[in-house]
C-alpha cells in the first residue's frame, strides 16, 4: 500500500534514494556527498597562490568505451586548466595510465612527488644552517 502511494505521488525516485541510503549508507567522506559544500567553499576561496603544483594526468581515457568523446575532451581541458592555476606548475602525462596512475605507473607518481618535495626539503635545510 505504501509503495503504491509513493509511486502515485511521483516521488518514487526520492523513495528509492531514501531506501538505498538506509540499506547501504554512503561513507561520510564519500567524494560526492559533500560536492555542494566543496563548490561553495571553492567559490569563496581566494585566488590560487603561486606555489609548486604538479598535475598528473592519465594518458588513456578512463572507461573510454563508456564515456562520451565530449566528456573525455572536457576532462583533458580541465586537467590543463588545473595545471595553469600556478605559474610554478608542471603537467605530467602518465602515458600508460587511465584514471589511477598511482596504480599503473607508481614510479612516475613517486618521482613527481620527490621532484615536488625535494626543493622544499633543501630550502628548509639551508634555512636551518643559516
Protein backbone atom coordinates (compact mmCIF):
# COMPACT_ATOMS: atom_id res chain seq x y z
CA UNK A 1 0.00 0.00 0.00
CA UNK A 2 2.76 2.45 0.93
CA UNK A 3 4.63 1.60 -2.28
CA UNK A 4 1.52 2.41 -4.35
CA UNK A 5 1.04 5.77 -2.64
CA UNK A 6 4.71 6.67 -3.13
CA UNK A 7 4.56 5.72 -6.80
CA UNK A 8 1.29 7.59 -7.24
CA UNK A 9 2.79 10.73 -5.74
CA UNK A 10 5.52 10.73 -8.39
CA UNK A 11 8.23 10.61 -5.76
CA UNK A 12 9.42 7.09 -6.49
CA UNK A 13 12.99 8.28 -7.14
CA UNK A 14 13.06 10.02 -3.75
CA UNK A 15 11.73 6.93 -2.03
CA UNK A 16 14.25 4.70 -3.77
CA UNK A 17 17.12 7.02 -2.86
CA UNK A 18 15.94 7.02 0.76
CA UNK A 19 15.78 3.21 0.85
CA UNK A 20 19.19 2.78 -0.76
CA UNK A 21 20.74 5.18 1.76
CA UNK A 22 19.09 3.30 4.64
CA UNK A 23 20.28 -0.09 3.39
CA UNK A 24 23.80 0.97 2.39
CA UNK A 25 24.57 4.40 3.81
CA UNK A 26 27.35 6.21 1.98
CA UNK A 27 30.66 6.67 3.70
CA UNK A 28 30.68 10.07 5.46
CA UNK A 29 33.76 11.04 3.45
CA UNK A 30 32.48 9.89 0.05
CA UNK A 31 33.68 12.38 -2.54
CA UNK A 32 30.23 13.18 -3.92
CA UNK A 33 28.50 13.52 -0.55
CA UNK A 34 29.95 16.98 0.07
CA UNK A 35 30.09 18.29 -3.51
CA UNK A 36 27.80 21.27 -2.93
CA UNK A 37 29.72 22.36 0.18
CA UNK A 38 33.03 21.95 -1.63
CA UNK A 39 31.79 24.02 -4.59
CA UNK A 40 30.65 26.82 -2.26
CA UNK A 41 33.99 26.83 -0.45
CA UNK A 42 35.89 26.97 -3.75
CA UNK A 43 33.80 29.91 -4.95
CA UNK A 44 34.55 31.81 -1.74
CA UNK A 45 38.26 30.99 -1.70
CA UNK A 46 40.93 33.49 -2.69
CA UNK A 47 42.93 33.09 -5.90
CA UNK A 48 45.23 30.09 -6.09
CA UNK A 49 48.69 31.09 -4.81
CA UNK A 50 51.88 30.81 -6.87
CA UNK A 51 53.07 27.56 -5.30
CA UNK A 52 54.64 24.47 -6.83
CA UNK A 53 51.91 22.30 -8.32
CA UNK A 54 52.18 19.00 -10.17
CA UNK A 55 49.16 17.67 -12.05
CA UNK A 56 49.44 14.04 -13.15
CA UNK A 57 47.02 13.09 -15.92
CA UNK A 58 46.40 9.59 -17.22
CA UNK A 59 47.13 9.49 -20.94
CA UNK A 60 44.49 6.84 -21.60
CA UNK A 61 40.88 7.90 -21.08
CA UNK A 62 39.32 6.00 -18.20
CA UNK A 63 36.47 3.80 -19.41
CA UNK A 64 36.63 5.27 -22.92
CA UNK A 65 34.15 2.65 -24.09
CA UNK A 66 31.52 4.10 -21.73
CA UNK A 67 32.45 7.78 -21.86
CA UNK A 68 31.32 10.27 -24.47
CA UNK A 69 34.07 11.85 -26.59
CA UNK A 70 32.98 15.28 -25.38
CA UNK A 71 33.41 14.22 -21.74
CA UNK A 72 36.91 12.90 -22.48
CA UNK A 73 37.81 16.19 -24.20
CA UNK A 74 36.42 18.22 -21.29
CA UNK A 75 38.43 16.19 -18.80
CA UNK A 76 41.62 16.89 -20.76
CA UNK A 77 40.74 20.59 -20.86
CA UNK A 78 40.07 20.63 -17.12
CA UNK A 79 43.42 18.98 -16.40
CA UNK A 80 45.19 21.70 -18.42
CA UNK A 81 43.23 24.38 -16.58
CA UNK A 82 44.17 22.82 -13.25
CA UNK A 83 47.83 22.87 -14.22
CA UNK A 84 47.54 26.54 -15.20
CA UNK A 85 46.47 27.61 -11.70
CA UNK A 86 50.06 28.26 -10.65
CA UNK A 87 52.96 29.72 -12.62
CA UNK A 88 55.08 27.12 -10.82
CA UNK A 89 53.08 24.17 -12.10
CA UNK A 90 54.14 21.11 -14.02
CA UNK A 91 51.77 18.89 -16.01
CA UNK A 92 52.86 15.27 -16.26
CA UNK A 93 51.07 12.81 -18.54
CA UNK A 94 51.16 9.19 -17.43
CA UNK A 95 51.01 7.71 -20.93
CA UNK A 96 50.20 4.13 -19.88
CA UNK A 97 47.54 5.06 -17.33
CA UNK A 98 43.88 5.88 -17.15
CA UNK A 99 42.26 7.36 -14.03
CA UNK A 100 44.63 5.79 -11.50
CA UNK A 101 48.28 6.39 -12.47
CA UNK A 102 49.30 5.75 -8.86
CA UNK A 103 48.43 2.09 -9.51
CA UNK A 104 49.56 1.64 -13.11
CA UNK A 105 52.67 3.86 -13.03
CA UNK A 106 53.67 4.21 -9.38
CA UNK A 107 57.29 5.08 -10.27
CA UNK A 108 56.13 8.11 -12.23
CA UNK A 109 53.99 9.32 -9.31
CA UNK A 110 56.78 8.72 -6.78
CA UNK A 111 59.23 10.64 -8.98
CA UNK A 112 56.77 13.54 -9.32
CA UNK A 113 56.29 13.69 -5.54
CA UNK A 114 60.05 13.61 -4.94
CA UNK A 115 60.60 16.32 -7.55
CA UNK A 116 57.98 18.50 -5.86
CA UNK A 117 59.19 17.89 -2.30
CA UNK A 118 62.98 17.98 -2.77
CA UNK A 119 63.31 21.75 -3.39
CA UNK A 120 61.33 22.45 -0.22
CA UNK A 121 63.44 19.98 1.75
CA UNK A 122 66.68 21.59 0.54
CA UNK A 123 65.37 25.08 1.32
CA UNK A 124 64.42 24.00 4.84
CA UNK A 125 67.88 22.53 5.45
CA UNK A 126 69.59 25.66 4.12
CA UNK A 127 67.39 27.85 6.34
CA UNK A 128 68.36 25.73 9.36
CA UNK A 129 72.07 26.18 8.58
CA UNK A 130 71.83 29.96 8.30
